[in-house]
Protein backbone atom coordinates (compact mmCIF):
# COMPACT_ATOMS: atom_id res chain seq x y z
CA MET A 1 35.27 -4.99 -36.91
CA ILE A 2 35.66 -8.71 -35.73
CA ILE A 3 37.61 -9.50 -38.73
CA LEU A 4 40.12 -6.52 -37.92
CA ILE A 5 40.36 -8.00 -34.22
CA VAL A 6 40.86 -11.63 -35.28
CA LEU A 7 43.58 -10.68 -37.98
CA THR A 8 45.34 -8.56 -35.46
CA VAL A 9 45.26 -11.24 -32.96
CA LEU A 10 46.60 -13.80 -35.49
CA VAL A 11 49.49 -11.55 -36.38
CA VAL A 12 50.53 -11.23 -32.92
CA VAL A 13 50.15 -14.91 -32.31
CA GLY A 14 52.13 -15.63 -35.40
CA ILE A 15 54.93 -13.41 -34.12
CA LEU A 16 55.02 -15.14 -30.73
CA ILE A 17 54.91 -18.62 -31.99
CA SER A 18 57.82 -17.81 -34.51
CA ARG A 19 59.86 -16.17 -32.08
CA TYR A 20 59.32 -18.59 -29.04
CA GLY A 21 58.56 -21.75 -30.69
CA ASP A 22 60.73 -24.54 -31.88
CA TYR A 23 61.66 -24.98 -35.48
CA ASN A 24 58.57 -26.74 -36.56
CA TRP A 25 56.25 -24.45 -34.42
CA GLY A 26 58.34 -21.37 -35.77
CA PHE A 27 57.83 -22.16 -39.41
CA ILE A 28 53.97 -22.44 -38.71
CA GLY A 29 54.21 -18.95 -36.79
CA ILE A 30 55.86 -17.40 -39.83
CA ILE A 31 53.25 -18.72 -42.15
CA MET A 32 50.50 -17.65 -39.79
CA PHE A 33 52.26 -14.04 -39.69
CA ILE A 34 52.60 -13.72 -43.32
CA LEU A 35 49.11 -14.74 -44.37
CA SER A 36 47.19 -12.87 -41.53
CA GLY A 37 49.36 -9.82 -42.15
CA GLY A 38 48.56 -10.00 -45.83
CA PHE A 39 44.87 -10.16 -45.02
CA LEU A 40 45.12 -7.31 -42.60
CA LEU A 41 47.04 -5.24 -45.05
CA ILE A 42 44.52 -5.72 -47.67
CA LEU A 43 41.73 -4.99 -45.18
CA LEU A 44 43.35 -1.70 -44.23
CA LEU A 45 43.99 -0.73 -47.91
CA THR A 46 40.34 -1.37 -48.96
CA LEU A 47 38.71 0.41 -46.04
CA PRO A 48 39.09 4.00 -47.32
CA THR A 49 37.95 3.10 -50.67
CA SER A 50 34.84 1.33 -49.40
CA HIS A 51 34.01 4.12 -47.31
CA LEU A 52 34.45 6.71 -50.02
CA GLN A 53 32.20 4.53 -52.39
CA ILE A 54 29.35 4.20 -49.84
CA ASN A 55 29.39 7.88 -48.74
CA GLY A 56 29.05 8.75 -52.35
CA GLY A 57 26.12 6.36 -52.61
CA ILE A 58 24.56 7.98 -49.70
CA ALA A 59 24.98 11.44 -51.32
CA LYS A 60 23.27 9.96 -54.47
CA PHE A 61 20.65 8.55 -52.60
CA GLU A 62 19.88 11.93 -51.01
CA THR A 63 20.00 13.65 -54.25
CA THR A 64 17.48 11.07 -55.64
CA ARG A 65 15.21 11.62 -52.86
CA ARG A 66 15.09 15.50 -53.50
CA THR A 67 14.79 14.74 -57.42
CA ILE A 68 11.67 12.50 -56.60
CA ALA A 69 9.98 15.11 -54.75
CA VAL A 70 10.34 17.64 -57.62
CA ALA A 71 9.46 15.01 -60.28
CA ARG A 72 6.17 13.86 -58.49
CA GLU A 73 4.75 17.59 -58.93
CA ASN A 74 5.04 17.19 -62.60
CA GLY A 75 2.15 15.19 -64.25
CA ASN A 76 4.02 13.48 -67.04
CA GLU A 77 3.52 9.67 -67.14
CA LEU A 78 6.65 8.82 -68.72
CA GLU A 79 8.50 10.57 -66.03
CA LYS A 80 6.63 9.06 -63.32
CA ALA A 81 7.50 5.58 -64.64
CA THR A 82 11.13 6.54 -64.72
CA VAL A 83 10.99 7.86 -61.21
CA GLN A 84 9.47 4.68 -60.12
CA ASN A 85 12.10 2.58 -61.66
CA LYS A 86 14.73 4.81 -59.97
CA ILE A 87 13.10 4.57 -56.54
CA ILE A 88 13.19 0.70 -56.90
CA GLU A 89 17.03 0.86 -57.77
CA GLN A 90 17.77 3.08 -54.84
CA ASN A 91 15.78 1.02 -52.32
CA GLN A 92 17.68 -2.05 -53.64
CA TRP A 93 21.00 -0.46 -53.06
CA LEU A 94 19.92 0.82 -49.60
CA ALA A 95 18.70 -2.80 -48.58
CA GLU A 96 22.07 -4.36 -49.74
CA GLN A 97 24.14 -1.73 -47.62
CA GLN A 98 21.86 -2.05 -44.52
CA TYR A 99 22.11 -5.79 -44.59
CA GLY A 100 25.77 -5.76 -45.11
CA ASN A 101 26.15 -3.29 -42.11
CA GLY A 102 24.73 -6.03 -39.96
CA THR A 103 27.18 -8.76 -40.93
CA ALA A 104 30.95 -9.33 -40.05
CA PHE A 105 31.93 -7.27 -43.06
CA ASP A 106 30.25 -4.07 -41.49
CA ILE A 107 33.82 -2.37 -40.97
CA TRP A 108 33.52 -1.53 -44.73
CA ILE A 109 30.04 0.09 -44.66
CA PRO A 110 29.68 3.42 -42.71
CA ASP A 111 26.93 3.36 -40.08
CA GLU A 112 25.32 6.44 -41.55
CA VAL A 113 23.59 3.87 -43.98
CA MET A 114 21.39 2.60 -41.13
CA GLU A 115 19.95 6.27 -40.63
CA LEU A 116 18.46 6.22 -44.22
CA GLU A 117 14.75 5.65 -44.91
CA PRO A 118 13.76 3.68 -48.06
CA LEU A 119 12.15 5.98 -50.60
CA LYS A 120 8.25 5.85 -51.08
């Protein structure tokens, strides 16, 4: 969210500098507007795709949770090893998403990730 606010402020400042500054400052304002506006556009275009991907990962995580409960009832050793490997993969994914949600890039990661518990 911080990135979104900073880029928006930079776009506005760039517009104000280019409009009310003298020739040298006006050029700097135009450059500031173009760069921050471009980054803001990229942020806004990647936001829905990122949310869609993470929400799909959450659905996959929940499906894996339900599948593990059923697989543990079976006594097959090979299946238990496969399930253990899948648990490790899903917990690593969850840890990465929860860490990312606590950084400046949290706008791309839905807060629902923080509600998930690691698989056991």
